């Protein structure tokens, strides 16, 4: 993490899970209370929305944008979605697909 992202991560901060989907469900339940919204980019891999739905959390969909022929998170849109509520933003970036 240090070499690639310049992050100093302590070993005790890491939690290993069997996969992304279980991590999404755990994250939503661990970081939100029942009335708190989850901000989710849209379109996105369906389990992101399923994690919020199964936990009974309201969803705020933040529209993504296309840049250089690729879908990119519009962080300004995500911020607008979360401005009027307490929210957690679910986002996953794979590799170097976003600039």
PDB file of N, CA and C in Angstrom:
ATOM      1  N   UNK A   1       0.827  -1.186   0.000  1.00  0.00           N
ATOM      2  CA  UNK A   1       0.000   0.000   0.000  1.00  0.00           C
ATOM      3  C   UNK A   1       0.873   1.252   0.000  1.00  0.00           C
ATOM      4  N   UNK A   2       1.981   1.170   0.691  1.00  0.00           N
ATOM      5  CA  UNK A   2       2.865   2.333   0.751  1.00  0.00           C
ATOM      6  C   UNK A   2       3.446   2.631  -0.631  1.00  0.00           C
ATOM      7  N   UNK A   3       3.915   1.600  -1.320  1.00  0.00           N
ATOM      8  CA  UNK A   3       4.546   1.811  -2.625  1.00  0.00           C
ATOM      9  C   UNK A   3       3.557   2.302  -3.674  1.00  0.00           C
ATOM     10  N   UNK A   4       2.376   1.712  -3.702  1.00  0.00           N
ATOM     11  CA  UNK A   4       1.419   2.039  -4.755  1.00  0.00           C
ATOM     12  C   UNK A   4       0.603   3.297  -4.469  1.00  0.00           C
ATOM     13  N   UNK A   5       0.184   3.472  -3.207  1.00  0.00           N
ATOM     14  CA  UNK A   5      -0.732   4.568  -2.875  1.00  0.00           C
ATOM     15  C   UNK A   5      -0.179   5.573  -1.870  1.00  0.00           C
ATOM     16  N   UNK A   6       1.025   5.356  -1.388  1.00  0.00           N
ATOM     17  CA  UNK A   6       1.635   6.204  -0.370  1.00  0.00           C
ATOM     18  C   UNK A   6       0.804   6.224   0.918  1.00  0.00           C
ATOM     19  N   UNK A   7       0.233   5.085   1.262  1.00  0.00           N
ATOM     20  CA  UNK A   7      -0.531   4.930   2.498  1.00  0.00           C
ATOM     21  C   UNK A   7       0.288   4.112   3.477  1.00  0.00           C
ATOM     22  N   UNK A   8       0.382   4.580   4.690  1.00  0.00           N
ATOM     23  CA  UNK A   8       0.992   3.787   5.748  1.00  0.00           C
ATOM     24  C   UNK A   8      -0.135   3.076   6.481  1.00  0.00           C
ATOM     25  N   UNK A   9      -0.240   1.785   6.272  1.00  0.00           N
ATOM     26  CA  UNK A   9      -1.327   0.983   6.829  1.00  0.00           C
ATOM     27  C   UNK A   9      -0.751   0.021   7.861  1.00  0.00           C
ATOM     28  N   UNK A  10      -1.343   0.035   9.040  1.00  0.00           N
ATOM     29  CA  UNK A  10      -0.915  -0.883  10.093  1.00  0.00           C
ATOM     30  C   UNK A  10      -1.630  -2.221   9.914  1.00  0.00           C
ATOM     31  N   UNK A  11      -0.937  -3.287  10.200  1.00  0.00           N
ATOM     32  CA  UNK A  11      -1.496  -4.631  10.026  1.00  0.00           C
ATOM     33  C   UNK A  11      -2.792  -4.813  10.810  1.00  0.00           C
ATOM     34  N   UNK A  12      -2.890  -4.224  11.993  1.00  0.00           N
ATOM     35  CA  UNK A  12      -4.103  -4.403  12.808  1.00  0.00           C
ATOM     36  C   UNK A  12      -5.327  -3.680  12.233  1.00  0.00           C
ATOM     37  N   UNK A  13      -5.125  -2.804  11.254  1.00  0.00           N
ATOM     38  CA  UNK A  13      -6.249  -2.127  10.603  1.00  0.00           C
ATOM     39  C   UNK A  13      -6.918  -3.017   9.558  1.00  0.00           C
ATOM     40  N   UNK A  14      -6.256  -4.055   9.117  1.00  0.00           N
ATOM     41  CA  UNK A  14      -6.750  -4.881   8.021  1.00  0.00           C
ATOM     42  C   UNK A  14      -7.691  -5.962   8.517  1.00  0.00           C
ATOM     43  N   UNK A  15      -8.756  -6.174   7.752  1.00  0.00           N
ATOM     44  CA  UNK A  15      -9.708  -7.246   8.015  1.00  0.00           C
ATOM     45  C   UNK A  15      -9.847  -8.016   6.714  1.00  0.00           C
ATOM     46  N   UNK A  16      -9.525  -9.286   6.750  1.00  0.00           N
ATOM     47  CA  UNK A  16      -9.621 -10.100   5.546  1.00  0.00           C
ATOM     48  C   UNK A  16     -10.985 -10.765   5.499  1.00  0.00           C
ATOM     49  N   UNK A  17     -11.626 -10.681   4.341  1.00  0.00           N
ATOM     50  CA  UNK A  17     -12.964 -11.223   4.138  1.00  0.00           C
ATOM     51  C   UNK A  17     -12.940 -12.159   2.937  1.00  0.00           C
ATOM     52  N   UNK A  18     -13.940 -13.041   2.833  1.00  0.00           N
ATOM     53  CA  UNK A  18     -13.932 -13.990   1.723  1.00  0.00           C
ATOM     54  C   UNK A  18     -14.232 -13.374   0.358  1.00  0.00           C
ATOM     55  N   UNK A  19     -14.764 -12.157   0.324  1.00  0.00           N
ATOM     56  CA  UNK A  19     -15.064 -11.551  -0.967  1.00  0.00           C
ATOM     57  C   UNK A  19     -15.658 -10.164  -0.831  1.00  0.00           C
ATOM     58  N   UNK A  20     -15.839  -9.521  -1.977  1.00  0.00           N
ATOM     59  CA  UNK A  20     -16.361  -8.161  -2.024  1.00  0.00           C
ATOM     60  C   UNK A  20     -17.774  -8.065  -1.457  1.00  0.00           C
ATOM     61  N   UNK A  21     -18.650  -8.985  -1.838  1.00  0.00           N
ATOM     62  CA  UNK A  21     -20.055  -8.885  -1.436  1.00  0.00           C
ATOM     63  C   UNK A  21     -20.200  -8.961   0.083  1.00  0.00           C
ATOM     64  N   UNK A  22     -19.519  -9.894   0.718  1.00  0.00           N
ATOM     65  CA  UNK A  22     -19.610  -9.961   2.186  1.00  0.00           C
ATOM     66  C   UNK A  22     -19.032  -8.697   2.812  1.00  0.00           C
ATOM     67  N   UNK A  23     -18.004  -8.127   2.201  1.00  0.00           N
ATOM     68  CA  UNK A  23     -17.428  -6.876   2.684  1.00  0.00           C
ATOM     69  C   UNK A  23     -18.398  -5.712   2.582  1.00  0.00           C
ATOM     70  N   UNK A  24     -19.170  -5.666   1.504  1.00  0.00           N
ATOM     71  CA  UNK A  24     -20.174  -4.610   1.346  1.00  0.00           C
ATOM     72  C   UNK A  24     -21.221  -4.694   2.456  1.00  0.00           C
ATOM     73  N   UNK A  25     -21.728  -5.898   2.692  1.00  0.00           N
ATOM     74  CA  UNK A  25     -22.752  -6.078   3.726  1.00  0.00           C
ATOM     75  C   UNK A  25     -22.206  -5.725   5.106  1.00  0.00           C
ATOM     76  N   UNK A  26     -21.005  -6.166   5.395  1.00  0.00           N
ATOM     77  CA  UNK A  26     -20.385  -5.855   6.680  1.00  0.00           C
ATOM     78  C   UNK A  26     -20.169  -4.354   6.841  1.00  0.00           C
ATOM     79  N   UNK A  27     -19.696  -3.702   5.799  1.00  0.00           N
ATOM     80  CA  UNK A  27     -19.432  -2.260   5.846  1.00  0.00           C
ATOM     81  C   UNK A  27     -20.700  -1.466   6.129  1.00  0.00           C
ATOM     82  N   UNK A  28     -21.768  -1.777   5.409  1.00  0.00           N
ATOM     83  CA  UNK A  28     -23.025  -1.042   5.603  1.00  0.00           C
ATOM     84  C   UNK A  28     -23.520  -1.204   7.034  1.00  0.00           C
ATOM     85  N   UNK A  29     -23.498  -2.413   7.539  1.00  0.00           N
ATOM     86  CA  UNK A  29     -24.013  -2.652   8.895  1.00  0.00           C
ATOM     87  C   UNK A  29     -23.099  -2.079   9.978  1.00  0.00           C
ATOM     88  N   UNK A  30     -21.797  -2.072   9.726  1.00  0.00           N
ATOM     89  CA  UNK A  30     -20.856  -1.580  10.738  1.00  0.00           C
ATOM     90  C   UNK A  30     -20.790  -0.058  10.796  1.00  0.00           C
ATOM     91  N   UNK A  31     -20.989   0.603   9.654  1.00  0.00           N
ATOM     92  CA  UNK A  31     -20.761   2.048   9.601  1.00  0.00           C
ATOM     93  C   UNK A  31     -22.021   2.898   9.566  1.00  0.00           C
ATOM     94  N   UNK A  32     -23.192   2.267   9.566  1.00  0.00           N
ATOM     95  CA  UNK A  32     -24.425   3.053   9.522  1.00  0.00           C
ATOM     96  C   UNK A  32     -25.405   2.592  10.588  1.00  0.00           C
ATOM     97  N   UNK A  33     -26.258   3.529  10.969  1.00  0.00           N
ATOM     98  CA  UNK A  33     -27.402   3.224  11.822  1.00  0.00           C
ATOM     99  C   UNK A  33     -28.607   3.063  10.902  1.00  0.00           C
ATOM    100  N   UNK A  34     -29.710   2.589  11.450  1.00  0.00           N
ATOM    101  CA  UNK A  34     -30.880   2.250  10.639  1.00  0.00           C
ATOM    102  C   UNK A  34     -31.375   3.386   9.744  1.00  0.00           C
ATOM    103  N   UNK A  35     -31.356   4.613  10.201  1.00  0.00           N
ATOM    104  CA  UNK A  35     -31.913   5.716   9.415  1.00  0.00           C
ATOM    105  C   UNK A  35     -30.892   6.401   8.512  1.00  0.00           C
ATOM    106  N   UNK A  36     -29.634   5.995   8.591  1.00  0.00           N
ATOM    107  CA  UNK A  36     -28.596   6.664   7.805  1.00  0.00           C
ATOM    108  C   UNK A  36     -28.566   6.135   6.375  1.00  0.00           C
ATOM    109  N   UNK A  37     -28.392   7.049   5.457  1.00  0.00           N
ATOM    110  CA  UNK A  37     -28.405   6.688   4.041  1.00  0.00           C
ATOM    111  C   UNK A  37     -27.048   6.183   3.583  1.00  0.00           C
ATOM    112  N   UNK A  38     -27.086   5.407   2.522  1.00  0.00           N
ATOM    113  CA  UNK A  38     -25.880   4.937   1.857  1.00  0.00           C
ATOM    114  C   UNK A  38     -25.869   5.568   0.470  1.00  0.00           C
ATOM    115  N   UNK A  39     -24.825   6.328   0.168  1.00  0.00           N
ATOM    116  CA  UNK A  39     -24.680   6.957  -1.148  1.00  0.00           C
ATOM    117  C   UNK A  39     -23.944   5.972  -2.048  1.00  0.00           C
ATOM    118  N   UNK A  40     -24.556   5.676  -3.191  1.00  0.00           N
ATOM    119  CA  UNK A  40     -24.023   4.659  -4.091  1.00  0.00           C
ATOM    120  C   UNK A  40     -23.954   5.231  -5.500  1.00  0.00           C
ATOM    121  N   UNK A  41     -22.794   5.153  -6.157  1.00  0.00           N
ATOM    122  CA  UNK A  41     -22.717   5.592  -7.551  1.00  0.00           C
ATOM    123  C   UNK A  41     -23.648   4.737  -8.410  1.00  0.00           C
ATOM    124  N   UNK A  42     -24.168   5.332  -9.471  1.00  0.00           N
ATOM    125  CA  UNK A  42     -25.092   4.625 -10.356  1.00  0.00           C
ATOM    126  C   UNK A  42     -24.768   4.962 -11.804  1.00  0.00           C
ATOM    127  N   UNK A  43     -24.558   3.959 -12.668  1.00  0.00           N
ATOM    128  CA  UNK A  43     -24.741   2.525 -12.465  1.00  0.00           C
ATOM    129  C   UNK A  43     -23.579   1.911 -11.693  1.00  0.00           C
ATOM    130  N   UNK A  44     -23.861   0.761 -11.073  1.00  0.00           N
ATOM    131  CA  UNK A  44     -22.832   0.053 -10.294  1.00  0.00           C
ATOM    132  C   UNK A  44     -23.203  -1.418 -10.194  1.00  0.00           C
ATOM    133  N   UNK A  45     -22.259  -2.218  -9.787  1.00  0.00           N
ATOM    134  CA  UNK A  45     -22.440  -3.649  -9.556  1.00  0.00           C
ATOM    135  C   UNK A  45     -23.599  -3.844  -8.569  1.00  0.00           C
ATOM    136  N   UNK A  46     -24.638  -4.604  -8.939  1.00  0.00           N
ATOM    137  CA  UNK A  46     -25.857  -4.708  -8.132  1.00  0.00           C
ATOM    138  C   UNK A  46     -25.677  -5.048  -6.650  1.00  0.00           C
ATOM    139  N   UNK A  47     -24.689  -5.838  -6.236  1.00  0.00           N
ATOM    140  CA  UNK A  47     -24.559  -6.099  -4.795  1.00  0.00           C
ATOM    141  C   UNK A  47     -24.318  -4.860  -3.932  1.00  0.00           C
ATOM    142  N   UNK A  48     -23.845  -3.757  -4.505  1.00  0.00           N
ATOM    143  CA  UNK A  48     -23.706  -2.535  -3.716  1.00  0.00           C
ATOM    144  C   UNK A  48     -25.076  -2.093  -3.216  1.00  0.00           C
ATOM    145  N   UNK A  49     -26.058  -2.083  -4.110  1.00  0.00           N
ATOM    146  CA  UNK A  49     -27.409  -1.676  -3.716  1.00  0.00           C
ATOM    147  C   UNK A  49     -28.058  -2.723  -2.827  1.00  0.00           C
ATOM    148  N   UNK A  50     -27.782  -3.995  -3.107  1.00  0.00           N
ATOM    149  CA  UNK A  50     -28.362  -5.074  -2.305  1.00  0.00           C
ATOM    150  C   UNK A  50     -27.889  -5.004  -0.855  1.00  0.00           C
ATOM    151  N   UNK A  51     -26.645  -4.606  -0.634  1.00  0.00           N
ATOM    152  CA  UNK A  51     -26.123  -4.505   0.731  1.00  0.00           C
ATOM    153  C   UNK A  51     -26.896  -3.463   1.532  1.00  0.00           C
ATOM    154  N   UNK A  52     -27.164  -2.322   0.926  1.00  0.00           N
ATOM    155  CA  UNK A  52     -27.938  -1.282   1.612  1.00  0.00           C
ATOM    156  C   UNK A  52     -29.376  -1.745   1.830  1.00  0.00           C
ATOM    157  N   UNK A  53     -29.955  -2.334   0.802  1.00  0.00           N
ATOM    158  CA  UNK A  53     -31.348  -2.787   0.884  1.00  0.00           C
ATOM    159  C   UNK A  53     -31.511  -3.853   1.970  1.00  0.00           C
ATOM    160  N   UNK A  54     -30.617  -4.839   2.016  1.00  0.00           N
ATOM    161  CA  UNK A  54     -30.768  -5.923   2.999  1.00  0.00           C
ATOM    162  C   UNK A  54     -30.575  -5.426   4.431  1.00  0.00           C
ATOM    163  N   UNK A  55     -29.841  -4.338   4.593  1.00  0.00           N
ATOM    164  CA  UNK A  55     -29.653  -3.749   5.927  1.00  0.00           C
ATOM    165  C   UNK A  55     -30.763  -2.759   6.271  1.00  0.00           C
ATOM    166  N   UNK A  56     -31.682  -2.533   5.335  1.00  0.00           N
ATOM    167  CA  UNK A  56     -32.778  -1.599   5.580  1.00  0.00           C
ATOM    168  C   UNK A  56     -32.360  -0.144   5.567  1.00  0.00           C
ATOM    169  N   UNK A  57     -31.259   0.155   4.870  1.00  0.00           N
ATOM    170  CA  UNK A  57     -30.762   1.531   4.819  1.00  0.00           C
ATOM    171  C   UNK A  57     -31.297   2.243   3.587  1.00  0.00           C
ATOM    172  N   UNK A  58     -31.688   3.517   3.729  1.00  0.00           N
ATOM    173  CA  UNK A  58     -32.091   4.291   2.551  1.00  0.00           C
ATOM    174  C   UNK A  58     -30.903   4.428   1.598  1.00  0.00           C
ATOM    175  N   UNK A  59     -31.194   4.470   0.310  1.00  0.00           N
ATOM    176  CA  UNK A  59     -30.142   4.637  -0.695  1.00  0.00           C
ATOM    177  C   UNK A  59     -30.274   5.993  -1.359  1.00  0.00           C
ATOM    178  N   UNK A  60     -29.142   6.616  -1.606  1.00  0.00           N
ATOM    179  CA  UNK A  60     -29.079   7.839  -2.401  1.00  0.00           C
ATOM    180  C   UNK A  60     -28.180   7.509  -3.579  1.00  0.00           C
ATOM    181  N   UNK A  61     -28.743   7.507  -4.778  1.00  0.00           N
ATOM    182  CA  UNK A  61     -27.966   7.153  -5.963  1.00  0.00           C
ATOM    183  C   UNK A  61     -27.315   8.392  -6.546  1.00  0.00           C
ATOM    184  N   UNK A  62     -26.006   8.344  -6.670  1.00  0.00           N
ATOM    185  CA  UNK A  62     -25.222   9.448  -7.235  1.00  0.00           C
ATOM    186  C   UNK A  62     -24.881   9.092  -8.677  1.00  0.00           C
ATOM    187  N   UNK A  63     -25.396   9.849  -9.647  1.00  0.00           N
ATOM    188  CA  UNK A  63     -25.122   9.509 -11.038  1.00  0.00           C
ATOM    189  C   UNK A  63     -23.631   9.592 -11.360  1.00  0.00           C
ATOM    190  N   UNK A  64     -23.174   8.598 -12.098  1.00  0.00           N
ATOM    191  CA  UNK A  64     -21.785   8.609 -12.558  1.00  0.00           C
ATOM    192  C   UNK A  64     -21.719   9.404 -13.857  1.00  0.00           C
ATOM    193  N   UNK A  65     -20.506   9.691 -14.301  1.00  0.00           N
ATOM    194  CA  UNK A  65     -20.323  10.419 -15.558  1.00  0.00           C
ATOM    195  C   UNK A  65     -19.383   9.617 -16.447  1.00  0.00           C
ATOM    196  N   UNK A  66     -19.421   9.911 -17.727  1.00  0.00           N
ATOM    197  CA  UNK A  66     -18.509   9.261 -18.664  1.00  0.00           C
ATOM    198  C   UNK A  66     -17.401  10.248 -19.004  1.00  0.00           C
ATOM    199  N   UNK A  67     -16.160   9.793 -18.847  1.00  0.00           N
ATOM    200  CA  UNK A  67     -14.985  10.598 -19.189  1.00  0.00           C
ATOM    201  C   UNK A  67     -14.010   9.688 -19.923  1.00  0.00           C
ATOM    202  N   UNK A  68     -13.543  10.136 -21.052  1.00  0.00           N
ATOM    203  CA  UNK A  68     -12.617   9.340 -21.862  1.00  0.00           C
ATOM    204  C   UNK A  68     -13.176   7.951 -22.160  1.00  0.00           C
ATOM    205  N   UNK A  69     -14.490   7.876 -22.384  1.00  0.00           N
ATOM    206  CA  UNK A  69     -15.121   6.613 -22.736  1.00  0.00           C
ATOM    207  C   UNK A  69     -15.301   5.639 -21.585  1.00  0.00           C
ATOM    208  N   UNK A  70     -15.112   6.089 -20.346  1.00  0.00           N
ATOM    209  CA  UNK A  70     -15.246   5.223 -19.171  1.00  0.00           C
ATOM    210  C   UNK A  70     -16.182   5.858 -18.147  1.00  0.00           C
ATOM    211  N   UNK A  71     -16.890   5.004 -17.420  1.00  0.00           N
ATOM    212  CA  UNK A  71     -17.701   5.494 -16.320  1.00  0.00           C
ATOM    213  C   UNK A  71     -16.781   5.929 -15.187  1.00  0.00           C
ATOM    214  N   UNK A  72     -17.037   7.097 -14.643  1.00  0.00           N
ATOM    215  CA  UNK A  72     -16.243   7.638 -13.533  1.00  0.00           C
ATOM    216  C   UNK A  72     -17.176   8.144 -12.443  1.00  0.00           C
ATOM    217  N   UNK A  73     -16.735   8.024 -11.214  1.00  0.00           N
ATOM    218  CA  UNK A  73     -17.520   8.548 -10.101  1.00  0.00           C
ATOM    219  C   UNK A  73     -17.520  10.067 -10.177  1.00  0.00           C
ATOM    220  N   UNK A  74     -18.687  10.641 -10.057  1.00  0.00           N
ATOM    221  CA  UNK A  74     -18.833  12.092  -9.986  1.00  0.00           C
ATOM    222  C   UNK A  74     -18.908  12.437  -8.492  1.00  0.00           C
ATOM    223  N   UNK A  75     -17.770  12.771  -7.913  1.00  0.00           N
ATOM    224  CA  UNK A  75     -17.723  13.010  -6.470  1.00  0.00           C
ATOM    225  C   UNK A  75     -18.553  14.224  -6.064  1.00  0.00           C
ATOM    226  N   UNK A  76     -18.711  15.193  -6.950  1.00  0.00           N
ATOM    227  CA  UNK A  76     -19.576  16.343  -6.642  1.00  0.00           C
ATOM    228  C   UNK A  76     -21.026  15.880  -6.524  1.00  0.00           C
ATOM    229  N   UNK A  77     -21.452  14.994  -7.409  1.00  0.00           N
ATOM    230  CA  UNK A  77     -22.813  14.453  -7.333  1.00  0.00           C
ATOM    231  C   UNK A  77     -22.993  13.645  -6.051  1.00  0.00           C
ATOM    232  N   UNK A  78     -21.989  12.876  -5.681  1.00  0.00           N
ATOM    233  CA  UNK A  78     -22.063  12.098  -4.443  1.00  0.00           C
ATOM    234  C   UNK A  78     -22.166  13.021  -3.232  1.00  0.00           C
ATOM    235  N   UNK A  79     -21.416  14.100  -3.260  1.00  0.00           N
ATOM    236  CA  UNK A  79     -21.476  15.061  -2.153  1.00  0.00           C
ATOM    237  C   UNK A  79     -22.857  15.702  -2.067  1.00  0.00           C
ATOM    238  N   UNK A  80     -23.442  16.034  -3.211  1.00  0.00           N
ATOM    239  CA  UNK A  80     -24.798  16.604  -3.204  1.00  0.00           C
ATOM    240  C   UNK A  80     -25.800  15.603  -2.635  1.00  0.00           C
ATOM    241  N   UNK A  81     -25.644  14.330  -2.973  1.00  0.00           N
ATOM    242  CA  UNK A  81     -26.554  13.302  -2.462  1.00  0.00           C
ATOM    243  C   UNK A  81     -26.466  13.166  -0.947  1.00  0.00           C
ATOM    244  N   UNK A  82     -25.304  13.401  -0.400  1.00  0.00           N
ATOM    245  CA  UNK A  82     -25.125  13.218   1.038  1.00  0.00           C
ATOM    246  C   UNK A  82     -25.270  14.503   1.839  1.00  0.00           C
ATOM    247  N   UNK A  83     -25.465  15.626   1.164  1.00  0.00           N
ATOM    248  CA  UNK A  83     -25.477  16.923   1.850  1.00  0.00           C
ATOM    249  C   UNK A  83     -26.600  17.059   2.874  1.00  0.00           C
ATOM    250  N   UNK A  84     -27.738  16.447   2.620  1.00  0.00           N
ATOM    251  CA  UNK A  84     -28.891  16.632   3.499  1.00  0.00           C
ATOM    252  C   UNK A  84     -29.108  15.483   4.469  1.00  0.00           C
ATOM    253  N   UNK A  85     -28.147  14.585   4.567  1.00  0.00           N
ATOM    254  CA  UNK A  85     -28.342  13.444   5.449  1.00  0.00           C
ATOM    255  C   UNK A  85     -26.997  12.930   5.949  1.00  0.00           C
ATOM    256  N   UNK A  86     -27.054  12.101   6.968  1.00  0.00           N
ATOM    257  CA  UNK A  86     -25.866  11.379   7.398  1.00  0.00           C
ATOM    258  C   UNK A  86     -25.735  10.195   6.460  1.00  0.00           C
ATOM    259  N   UNK A  87     -24.568  10.020   5.877  1.00  0.00           N
ATOM    260  CA  UNK A  87     -24.457   8.991   4.851  1.00  0.00           C
ATOM    261  C   UNK A  87     -23.079   8.354   4.835  1.00  0.00           C
ATOM    262  N   UNK A  88     -23.045   7.157   4.290  1.00  0.00           N
ATOM    263  CA  UNK A  88     -21.805   6.453   3.986  1.00  0.00           C
ATOM    264  C   UNK A  88     -21.756   6.305   2.477  1.00  0.00           C
ATOM    265  N   UNK A  89     -20.589   6.526   1.899  1.00  0.00           N
ATOM    266  CA  UNK A  89     -20.406   6.429   0.452  1.00  0.00           C
ATOM    267  C   UNK A  89     -19.726   5.110   0.132  1.00  0.00           C
ATOM    268  N   UNK A  90     -20.415   4.240  -0.617  1.00  0.00           N
ATOM    269  CA  UNK A  90     -19.832   2.964  -1.029  1.00  0.00           C
ATOM    270  C   UNK A  90     -19.234   3.112  -2.413  1.00  0.00           C
ATOM    271  N   UNK A  91     -17.979   2.780  -2.530  1.00  0.00           N
ATOM    272  CA  UNK A  91     -17.279   2.939  -3.800  1.00  0.00           C
ATOM    273  C   UNK A  91     -16.148   1.932  -3.854  1.00  0.00           C
ATOM    274  N   UNK A  92     -15.949   1.351  -5.007  1.00  0.00           N
ATOM    275  CA  UNK A  92     -14.864   0.400  -5.206  1.00  0.00           C
ATOM    276  C   UNK A  92     -14.157   0.755  -6.493  1.00  0.00           C
ATOM    277  N   UNK A  93     -12.871   0.946  -6.410  1.00  0.00           N
ATOM    278  CA  UNK A  93     -12.081   1.257  -7.599  1.00  0.00           C
ATOM    279  C   UNK A  93     -11.176   0.076  -7.877  1.00  0.00           C
ATOM    280  N   UNK A  94     -11.324  -0.489  -9.050  1.00  0.00           N
ATOM    281  CA  UNK A  94     -10.508  -1.637  -9.423  1.00  0.00           C
ATOM    282  C   UNK A  94      -9.347  -1.176 -10.286  1.00  0.00           C
ATOM    283  N   UNK A  95      -8.164  -1.516  -9.866  1.00  0.00           N
ATOM    284  CA  UNK A  95      -6.984  -1.207 -10.659  1.00  0.00           C
ATOM    285  C   UNK A  95      -6.845   0.273 -10.933  1.00  0.00           C
ATOM    286  N   UNK A  96      -6.517   0.598 -12.155  1.00  0.00           N
ATOM    287  CA  UNK A  96      -6.296   1.988 -12.543  1.00  0.00           C
ATOM    288  C   UNK A  96      -7.321   2.444 -13.566  1.00  0.00           C
ATOM    289  N   UNK A  97      -8.554   1.992 -13.409  1.00  0.00           N
ATOM    290  CA  UNK A  97      -9.579   2.270 -14.410  1.00  0.00           C
ATOM    291  C   UNK A  97     -10.098   3.695 -14.380  1.00  0.00           C
ATOM    292  N   UNK A  98      -9.824   4.427 -13.315  1.00  0.00           N
ATOM    293  CA  UNK A  98     -10.343   5.786 -13.212  1.00  0.00           C
ATOM    294  C   UNK A  98      -9.200   6.765 -13.076  1.00  0.00           C
ATOM    295  N   UNK A  99      -9.354   7.898 -13.743  1.00  0.00           N
ATOM    296  CA  UNK A  99      -8.307   8.923 -13.688  1.00  0.00           C
ATOM    297  C   UNK A  99      -8.701  10.016 -12.730  1.00  0.00           C
TER     298      UNK A  99
END
